[in-house]
Amino acid sequence: RFRPARFDRFVEEWRKSGAMPSGILDPQELAG
């Protein structure tokens, strides 16, 4: 199986906090 990636940590934190987290994906990656 695939292991969780940085993207998955981003979504998990977004889900937990209810707001887009900072410091996991940078602006370039978010735009992508």
PDB file of all heavy atoms in Angstrom:
ATOM      1  N   ARG A   1       0.823  -1.206   0.000  1.00  0.00           N
ATOM      2  CA  ARG A   1       0.000   0.000   0.000  1.00  0.00           C
ATOM      3  C   ARG A   1       0.858   1.258   0.000  1.00  0.00           C
ATOM      4  O   ARG A   1       2.029   1.219   0.363  1.00  0.00           O
ATOM      5  CB  ARG A   1      -0.916   0.016   1.226  1.00  0.00           C
ATOM      6  CG  ARG A   1      -1.774  -1.238   1.359  1.00  0.00           C
ATOM      7  CD  ARG A   1      -2.836  -1.056   2.400  1.00  0.00           C
ATOM      8  NE  ARG A   1      -3.642  -2.270   2.541  1.00  0.00           N
ATOM      9  CZ  ARG A   1      -4.803  -2.307   3.172  1.00  0.00           C
ATOM     10  NH1 ARG A   1      -5.305  -1.202   3.705  1.00  0.00           N
ATOM     11  NH2 ARG A   1      -5.477  -3.429   3.262  1.00  0.00           N
ATOM     12  N   PHE A   2       0.245   2.336  -0.372  1.00  0.00           N
ATOM     13  CA  PHE A   2       0.909   3.630  -0.309  1.00  0.00           C
ATOM     14  C   PHE A   2       0.915   4.143   1.126  1.00  0.00           C
ATOM     15  O   PHE A   2      -0.074   3.991   1.853  1.00  0.00           O
ATOM     16  CB  PHE A   2       0.187   4.655  -1.199  1.00  0.00           C
ATOM     17  CG  PHE A   2       0.327   4.391  -2.672  1.00  0.00           C
ATOM     18  CD1 PHE A   2      -0.756   3.934  -3.408  1.00  0.00           C
ATOM     19  CD2 PHE A   2       1.535   4.593  -3.319  1.00  0.00           C
ATOM     20  CE1 PHE A   2      -0.641   3.700  -4.766  1.00  0.00           C
ATOM     21  CE2 PHE A   2       1.663   4.341  -4.676  1.00  0.00           C
ATOM     22  CZ  PHE A   2       0.576   3.896  -5.401  1.00  0.00           C
ATOM     23  N   ARG A   3       2.003   4.772   1.510  1.00  0.00           N
ATOM     24  CA  ARG A   3       2.064   5.466   2.792  1.00  0.00           C
ATOM     25  C   ARG A   3       1.536   6.894   2.617  1.00  0.00           C
ATOM     26  O   ARG A   3       1.608   7.453   1.528  1.00  0.00           O
ATOM     27  CB  ARG A   3       3.500   5.528   3.309  1.00  0.00           C
ATOM     28  CG  ARG A   3       4.114   4.177   3.668  1.00  0.00           C
ATOM     29  CD  ARG A   3       5.519   4.378   4.227  1.00  0.00           C
ATOM     30  NE  ARG A   3       6.185   3.119   4.497  1.00  0.00           N
ATOM     31  CZ  ARG A   3       6.055   2.423   5.626  1.00  0.00           C
ATOM     32  NH1 ARG A   3       5.269   2.897   6.598  1.00  0.00           N
ATOM     33  NH2 ARG A   3       6.696   1.288   5.800  1.00  0.00           N
ATOM     34  N   PRO A   4       1.019   7.490   3.685  1.00  0.00           N
ATOM     35  CA  PRO A   4       0.548   8.873   3.583  1.00  0.00           C
ATOM     36  C   PRO A   4       1.678   9.814   3.163  1.00  0.00           C
ATOM     37  O   PRO A   4       2.827   9.661   3.579  1.00  0.00           O
ATOM     38  CB  PRO A   4       0.068   9.193   5.005  1.00  0.00           C
ATOM     39  CG  PRO A   4      -0.258   7.849   5.594  1.00  0.00           C
ATOM     40  CD  PRO A   4       0.750   6.899   4.998  1.00  0.00           C
ATOM     41  N   ALA A   5       1.345  10.771   2.319  1.00  0.00           N
ATOM     42  CA  ALA A   5       2.296  11.758   1.824  1.00  0.00           C
ATOM     43  C   ALA A   5       2.040  13.108   2.509  1.00  0.00           C
ATOM     44  O   ALA A   5       1.111  13.260   3.303  1.00  0.00           O
ATOM     45  CB  ALA A   5       2.169  11.897   0.305  1.00  0.00           C
ATOM     46  N   ARG A   6       2.857  14.071   2.180  1.00  0.00           N
ATOM     47  CA  ARG A   6       2.683  15.405   2.751  1.00  0.00           C
ATOM     48  C   ARG A   6       1.302  15.973   2.417  1.00  0.00           C
ATOM     49  O   ARG A   6       0.679  16.654   3.224  1.00  0.00           O
ATOM     50  CB  ARG A   6       3.801  16.323   2.246  1.00  0.00           C
ATOM     51  CG  ARG A   6       3.885  17.671   2.937  1.00  0.00           C
ATOM     52  CD  ARG A   6       5.311  18.211   2.915  1.00  0.00           C
ATOM     53  NE  ARG A   6       5.915  18.133   1.612  1.00  0.00           N
ATOM     54  CZ  ARG A   6       5.875  19.124   0.705  1.00  0.00           C
ATOM     55  NH1 ARG A   6       5.240  20.241   0.982  1.00  0.00           N
ATOM     56  NH2 ARG A   6       6.471  18.979  -0.466  1.00  0.00           N
ATOM     57  N   PHE A   7       0.819  15.702   1.223  1.00  0.00           N
ATOM     58  CA  PHE A   7      -0.519  16.137   0.847  1.00  0.00           C
ATOM     59  C   PHE A   7      -1.561  15.597   1.810  1.00  0.00           C
ATOM     60  O   PHE A   7      -2.503  16.296   2.200  1.00  0.00           O
ATOM     61  CB  PHE A   7      -0.833  15.691  -0.586  1.00  0.00           C
ATOM     62  CG  PHE A   7      -2.290  15.782  -0.936  1.00  0.00           C
ATOM     63  CD1 PHE A   7      -2.867  17.011  -1.197  1.00  0.00           C
ATOM     64  CD2 PHE A   7      -3.084  14.642  -0.991  1.00  0.00           C
ATOM     65  CE1 PHE A   7      -4.226  17.106  -1.506  1.00  0.00           C
ATOM     66  CE2 PHE A   7      -4.432  14.729  -1.293  1.00  0.00           C
ATOM     67  CZ  PHE A   7      -5.010  15.970  -1.555  1.00  0.00           C
ATOM     68  N   ASP A   8      -1.440  14.328   2.213  1.00  0.00           N
ATOM     69  CA  ASP A   8      -2.405  13.723   3.121  1.00  0.00           C
ATOM     70  C   ASP A   8      -2.353  14.382   4.500  1.00  0.00           C
ATOM     71  O   ASP A   8      -3.398  14.554   5.145  1.00  0.00           O
ATOM     72  CB  ASP A   8      -2.141  12.223   3.242  1.00  0.00           C
ATOM     73  CG  ASP A   8      -2.237  11.508   1.910  1.00  0.00           C
ATOM     74  OD1 ASP A   8      -3.335  11.476   1.338  1.00  0.00           O
ATOM     75  OD2 ASP A   8      -1.207  11.017   1.425  1.00  0.00           O
ATOM     76  N   ARG A   9      -1.149  14.745   4.952  1.00  0.00           N
ATOM     77  CA  ARG A   9      -1.039  15.457   6.229  1.00  0.00           C
ATOM     78  C   ARG A   9      -1.730  16.813   6.136  1.00  0.00           C
ATOM     79  O   ARG A   9      -2.377  17.260   7.089  1.00  0.00           O
ATOM     80  CB  ARG A   9       0.420  15.630   6.616  1.00  0.00           C
ATOM     81  CG  ARG A   9       1.139  14.313   6.877  1.00  0.00           C
ATOM     82  CD  ARG A   9       2.406  14.510   7.681  1.00  0.00           C
ATOM     83  NE  ARG A   9       3.368  15.358   6.993  1.00  0.00           N
ATOM     84  CZ  ARG A   9       4.256  14.933   6.107  1.00  0.00           C
ATOM     85  NH1 ARG A   9       4.290  13.642   5.778  1.00  0.00           N
ATOM     86  NH2 ARG A   9       5.113  15.754   5.545  1.00  0.00           N
ATOM     87  N   PHE A  10      -1.606  17.468   4.987  1.00  0.00           N
ATOM     88  CA  PHE A  10      -2.271  18.754   4.756  1.00  0.00           C
ATOM     89  C   PHE A  10      -3.784  18.609   4.885  1.00  0.00           C
ATOM     90  O   PHE A  10      -4.448  19.382   5.586  1.00  0.00           O
ATOM     91  CB  PHE A  10      -1.881  19.269   3.366  1.00  0.00           C
ATOM     92  CG  PHE A  10      -2.698  20.432   2.880  1.00  0.00           C
ATOM     93  CD1 PHE A  10      -2.448  21.716   3.335  1.00  0.00           C
ATOM     94  CD2 PHE A  10      -3.713  20.242   1.953  1.00  0.00           C
ATOM     95  CE1 PHE A  10      -3.201  22.795   2.882  1.00  0.00           C
ATOM     96  CE2 PHE A  10      -4.471  21.304   1.488  1.00  0.00           C
ATOM     97  CZ  PHE A  10      -4.211  22.588   1.962  1.00  0.00           C
ATOM     98  N   VAL A  11      -4.354  17.603   4.231  1.00  0.00           N
ATOM     99  CA  VAL A  11      -5.804  17.395   4.281  1.00  0.00           C
ATOM    100  C   VAL A  11      -6.245  17.030   5.694  1.00  0.00           C
ATOM    101  O   VAL A  11      -7.273  17.515   6.197  1.00  0.00           O
ATOM    102  CB  VAL A  11      -6.237  16.302   3.285  1.00  0.00           C
ATOM    103  CG1 VAL A  11      -7.726  15.999   3.426  1.00  0.00           C
ATOM    104  CG2 VAL A  11      -5.920  16.725   1.858  1.00  0.00           C
ATOM    105  N   GLU A  12      -5.455  16.183   6.363  1.00  0.00           N
ATOM    106  CA  GLU A  12      -5.807  15.781   7.718  1.00  0.00           C
ATOM    107  C   GLU A  12      -5.861  16.979   8.663  1.00  0.00           C
ATOM    108  O   GLU A  12      -6.800  17.109   9.464  1.00  0.00           O
ATOM    109  CB  GLU A  12      -4.796  14.753   8.234  1.00  0.00           C
ATOM    110  CG  GLU A  12      -5.101  14.240   9.629  1.00  0.00           C
ATOM    111  CD  GLU A  12      -4.066  13.241  10.122  1.00  0.00           C
ATOM    112  OE1 GLU A  12      -3.046  13.048   9.439  1.00  0.00           O
ATOM    113  OE2 GLU A  12      -4.280  12.658  11.192  1.00  0.00           O
ATOM    114  N   GLU A  13      -4.875  17.853   8.570  1.00  0.00           N
ATOM    115  CA  GLU A  13      -4.866  19.037   9.429  1.00  0.00           C
ATOM    116  C   GLU A  13      -6.005  19.984   9.078  1.00  0.00           C
ATOM    117  O   GLU A  13      -6.610  20.609   9.951  1.00  0.00           O
ATOM    118  CB  GLU A  13      -3.520  19.750   9.311  1.00  0.00           C
ATOM    119  CG  GLU A  13      -2.368  19.012   9.963  1.00  0.00           C
ATOM    120  CD  GLU A  13      -2.612  18.780  11.444  1.00  0.00           C
ATOM    121  OE1 GLU A  13      -3.075  19.722  12.130  1.00  0.00           O
ATOM    122  OE2 GLU A  13      -2.357  17.654  11.911  1.00  0.00           O
ATOM    123  N   TRP A  14      -6.307  20.099   7.800  1.00  0.00           N
ATOM    124  CA  TRP A  14      -7.424  20.943   7.370  1.00  0.00           C
ATOM    125  C   TRP A  14      -8.731  20.417   7.948  1.00  0.00           C
ATOM    126  O   TRP A  14      -9.577  21.167   8.432  1.00  0.00           O
ATOM    127  CB  TRP A  14      -7.469  20.989   5.843  1.00  0.00           C
ATOM    128  CG  TRP A  14      -8.333  22.070   5.258  1.00  0.00           C
ATOM    129  CD1 TRP A  14      -9.156  22.936   5.916  1.00  0.00           C
ATOM    130  CD2 TRP A  14      -8.463  22.380   3.870  1.00  0.00           C
ATOM    131  NE1 TRP A  14      -9.787  23.771   5.019  1.00  0.00           N
ATOM    132  CE2 TRP A  14      -9.383  23.450   3.761  1.00  0.00           C
ATOM    133  CE3 TRP A  14      -7.892  21.852   2.704  1.00  0.00           C
ATOM    134  CZ2 TRP A  14      -9.752  24.010   2.539  1.00  0.00           C
ATOM    135  CZ3 TRP A  14      -8.255  22.404   1.484  1.00  0.00           C
ATOM    136  CH2 TRP A  14      -9.168  23.475   1.397  1.00  0.00           C
ATOM    137  N   ARG A  15      -8.876  19.094   7.924  1.00  0.00           N
ATOM    138  CA  ARG A  15     -10.091  18.487   8.448  1.00  0.00           C
ATOM    139  C   ARG A  15     -10.194  18.693   9.961  1.00  0.00           C
ATOM    140  O   ARG A  15     -11.269  18.998  10.486  1.00  0.00           O
ATOM    141  CB  ARG A  15     -10.097  16.999   8.121  1.00  0.00           C
ATOM    142  CG  ARG A  15     -11.339  16.267   8.646  1.00  0.00           C
ATOM    143  CD  ARG A  15     -11.302  14.775   8.368  1.00  0.00           C
ATOM    144  NE  ARG A  15     -11.483  14.485   6.949  1.00  0.00           N
ATOM    145  CZ  ARG A  15     -10.563  13.983   6.160  1.00  0.00           C
ATOM    146  NH1 ARG A  15      -9.349  13.736   6.659  1.00  0.00           N
ATOM    147  NH2 ARG A  15     -10.796  13.743   4.902  1.00  0.00           N
ATOM    148  N   LYS A  16      -9.099  18.522  10.669  1.00  0.00           N
ATOM    149  CA  LYS A  16      -9.117  18.647  12.130  1.00  0.00           C
ATOM    150  C   LYS A  16      -9.422  20.070  12.578  1.00  0.00           C
ATOM    151  O   LYS A  16     -10.208  20.286  13.505  1.00  0.00           O
ATOM    152  CB  LYS A  16      -7.757  18.212  12.697  1.00  0.00           C
ATOM    153  CG  LYS A  16      -7.517  16.723  12.688  1.00  0.00           C
ATOM    154  CD  LYS A  16      -6.145  16.416  13.272  1.00  0.00           C
ATOM    155  CE  LYS A  16      -5.866  14.920  13.310  1.00  0.00           C
ATOM    156  NZ  LYS A  16      -4.510  14.629  13.827  1.00  0.00           N
ATOM    157  N   SER A  17      -8.767  21.030  11.942  1.00  0.00           N
ATOM    158  CA  SER A  17      -8.878  22.418  12.393  1.00  0.00           C
ATOM    159  C   SER A  17     -10.068  23.155  11.800  1.00  0.00           C
ATOM    160  O   SER A  17     -10.515  24.170  12.341  1.00  0.00           O
ATOM    161  CB  SER A  17      -7.596  23.178  12.046  1.00  0.00           C
ATOM    162  OG  SER A  17      -7.453  23.299  10.629  1.00  0.00           O
ATOM    163  N   GLY A  18     -10.572  22.674  10.674  1.00  0.00           N
ATOM    164  CA  GLY A  18     -11.655  23.371  10.008  1.00  0.00           C
ATOM    165  C   GLY A  18     -11.201  24.532   9.167  1.00  0.00           C
ATOM    166  O   GLY A  18     -12.016  25.234   8.566  1.00  0.00           O
ATOM    167  N   ALA A  19      -9.902  24.781   9.126  1.00  0.00           N
ATOM    168  CA  ALA A  19      -9.359  25.871   8.313  1.00  0.00           C
ATOM    169  C   ALA A  19      -8.083  25.393   7.653  1.00  0.00           C
ATOM    170  O   ALA A  19      -7.392  24.492   8.147  1.00  0.00           O
ATOM    171  CB  ALA A  19      -9.079  27.097   9.172  1.00  0.00           C
ATOM    172  N   MET A  20      -7.761  25.999   6.523  1.00  0.00           N
ATOM    173  CA  MET A  20      -6.577  25.592   5.772  1.00  0.00           C
ATOM    174  C   MET A  20      -5.310  25.774   6.622  1.00  0.00           C
ATOM    175  O   MET A  20      -5.032  26.852   7.103  1.00  0.00           O
ATOM    176  CB  MET A  20      -6.482  26.413   4.492  1.00  0.00           C
ATOM    177  CG  MET A  20      -5.496  25.863   3.466  1.00  0.00           C
ATOM    178  SD  MET A  20      -3.789  26.427   3.703  1.00  0.00           S
ATOM    179  CE  MET A  20      -3.973  28.163   3.299  1.00  0.00           C
ATOM    180  N   PRO A  21      -4.530  24.695   6.831  1.00  0.00           N
ATOM    181  CA  PRO A  21      -3.333  24.787   7.672  1.00  0.00           C
ATOM    182  C   PRO A  21      -2.183  25.474   6.947  1.00  0.00           C
ATOM    183  O   PRO A  21      -2.119  25.488   5.718  1.00  0.00           O
ATOM    184  CB  PRO A  21      -3.003  23.318   7.961  1.00  0.00           C
ATOM    185  CG  PRO A  21      -3.515  22.586   6.763  1.00  0.00           C
ATOM    186  CD  PRO A  21      -4.760  23.324   6.342  1.00  0.00           C
ATOM    187  N   SER A  22      -1.289  26.015   7.707  1.00  0.00           N
ATOM    188  CA  SER A  22      -0.100  26.647   7.138  1.00  0.00           C
ATOM    189  C   SER A  22       1.126  25.808   7.474  1.00  0.00           C
ATOM    190  O   SER A  22       1.126  25.040   8.439  1.00  0.00           O
ATOM    191  CB  SER A  22       0.078  28.070   7.690  1.00  0.00           C
ATOM    192  OG  SER A  22       0.232  28.031   9.106  1.00  0.00           O
ATOM    193  N   GLY A  23       2.161  25.935   6.648  1.00  0.00           N
ATOM    194  CA  GLY A  23       3.433  25.289   6.930  1.00  0.00           C
ATOM    195  C   GLY A  23       3.573  23.869   6.430  1.00  0.00           C
ATOM    196  O   GLY A  23       4.623  23.256   6.634  1.00  0.00           O
ATOM    197  N   ILE A  24       2.529  23.319   5.807  1.00  0.00           N
ATOM    198  CA  ILE A  24       2.642  21.955   5.271  1.00  0.00           C
ATOM    199  C   ILE A  24       2.887  22.002   3.766  1.00  0.00           C
ATOM    200  O   ILE A  24       3.823  21.375   3.259  1.00  0.00           O
ATOM    201  CB  ILE A  24       1.380  21.136   5.595  1.00  0.00           C
ATOM    202  CG1 ILE A  24       1.192  21.034   7.113  1.00  0.00           C
ATOM    203  CG2 ILE A  24       1.499  19.726   4.984  1.00  0.00           C
ATOM    204  CD1 ILE A  24      -0.050  20.265   7.522  1.00  0.00           C
ATOM    205  N   LEU A  25       2.053  22.737   3.042  1.00  0.00           N
ATOM    206  CA  LEU A  25       2.276  22.984   1.621  1.00  0.00           C
ATOM    207  C   LEU A  25       2.629  24.458   1.446  1.00  0.00           C
ATOM    208  O   LEU A  25       2.010  25.327   2.061  1.00  0.00           O
ATOM    209  CB  LEU A  25       1.025  22.653   0.793  1.00  0.00           C
ATOM    210  CG  LEU A  25       0.468  21.228   0.876  1.00  0.00           C
ATOM    211  CD1 LEU A  25      -0.674  21.063  -0.130  1.00  0.00           C
ATOM    212  CD2 LEU A  25       1.548  20.186   0.630  1.00  0.00           C
ATOM    213  N   ASP A  26       3.614  24.729   0.596  1.00  0.00           N
ATOM    214  CA  ASP A  26       3.995  26.120   0.369  1.00  0.00           C
ATOM    215  C   ASP A  26       3.098  26.744  -0.706  1.00  0.00           C
ATOM    216  O   ASP A  26       2.301  26.044  -1.351  1.00  0.00           O
ATOM    217  CB  ASP A  26       5.483  26.233   0.013  1.00  0.00           C
ATOM    218  CG  ASP A  26       5.849  25.572  -1.307  1.00  0.00           C
ATOM    219  OD1 ASP A  26       4.987  25.512  -2.221  1.00  0.00           O
ATOM    220  OD2 ASP A  26       7.006  25.130  -1.451  1.00  0.00           O
ATOM    221  N   PRO A  27       3.177  28.055  -0.909  1.00  0.00           N
ATOM    222  CA  PRO A  27       2.285  28.720  -1.872  1.00  0.00           C
ATOM    223  C   PRO A  27       2.352  28.140  -3.282  1.00  0.00           C
ATOM    224  O   PRO A  27       1.331  28.057  -3.980  1.00  0.00           O
ATOM    225  CB  PRO A  27       2.757  30.178  -1.833  1.00  0.00           C
ATOM    226  CG  PRO A  27       3.328  30.340  -0.466  1.00  0.00           C
ATOM    227  CD  PRO A  27       3.982  29.036  -0.152  1.00  0.00           C
ATOM    228  N   GLN A  28       3.547  27.729  -3.727  1.00  0.00           N
ATOM    229  CA  GLN A  28       3.698  27.134  -5.050  1.00  0.00           C
ATOM    230  C   GLN A  28       2.921  25.826  -5.141  1.00  0.00           C
ATOM    231  O   GLN A  28       2.222  25.554  -6.128  1.00  0.00           O
ATOM    232  CB  GLN A  28       5.191  26.889  -5.327  1.00  0.00           C
ATOM    233  CG  GLN A  28       5.506  26.376  -6.718  1.00  0.00           C
ATOM    234  CD  GLN A  28       5.711  27.482  -7.725  1.00  0.00           C
ATOM    235  OE1 GLN A  28       5.229  28.598  -7.523  1.00  0.00           O
ATOM    236  NE2 GLN A  28       6.434  27.196  -8.785  1.00  0.00           N
ATOM    237  N   GLU A  29       3.013  25.018  -4.113  1.00  0.00           N
ATOM    238  CA  GLU A  29       2.313  23.732  -4.090  1.00  0.00           C
ATOM    239  C   GLU A  29       0.801  23.915  -3.973  1.00  0.00           C
ATOM    240  O   GLU A  29       0.025  23.185  -4.597  1.00  0.00           O
ATOM    241  CB  GLU A  29       2.847  22.897  -2.930  1.00  0.00           C
ATOM    242  CG  GLU A  29       4.311  22.504  -3.113  1.00  0.00           C
ATOM    243  CD  GLU A  29       4.994  22.065  -1.837  1.00  0.00           C
ATOM    244  OE1 GLU A  29       4.445  22.316  -0.742  1.00  0.00           O
ATOM    245  OE2 GLU A  29       6.090  21.476  -1.928  1.00  0.00           O
ATOM    246  N   LEU A  30       0.385  24.897  -3.178  1.00  0.00           N
ATOM    247  CA  LEU A  30      -1.048  25.181  -3.053  1.00  0.00           C
ATOM    248  C   LEU A  30      -1.637  25.647  -4.379  1.00  0.00           C
ATOM    249  O   LEU A  30      -2.741  25.244  -4.762  1.00  0.00           O
ATOM    250  CB  LEU A  30      -1.278  26.243  -1.980  1.00  0.00           C
ATOM    251  CG  LEU A  30      -0.995  25.812  -0.538  1.00  0.00           C
ATOM    252  CD1 LEU A  30      -1.110  27.010   0.390  1.00  0.00           C
ATOM    253  CD2 LEU A  30      -1.930  24.703  -0.114  1.00  0.00           C
ATOM    254  N   ALA A  31      -0.888  26.477  -5.086  1.00  0.00           N
ATOM    255  CA  ALA A  31      -1.356  26.924  -6.402  1.00  0.00           C
ATOM    256  C   ALA A  31      -1.452  25.739  -7.356  1.00  0.00           C
ATOM    257  O   ALA A  31      -2.383  25.649  -8.175  1.00  0.00           O
ATOM    258  CB  ALA A  31      -0.406  27.981  -6.954  1.00  0.00           C
ATOM    259  N   GLY A  32      -0.520  24.799  -7.253  1.00  0.00           N
ATOM    260  CA  GLY A  32      -0.569  23.604  -8.089  1.00  0.00           C
ATOM    261  C   GLY A  32      -1.766  22.738  -7.764  1.00  0.00           C
ATOM    262  O   GLY A  32      -2.395  22.161  -8.660  1.00  0.00           O
TER     263      GLY A  32
END
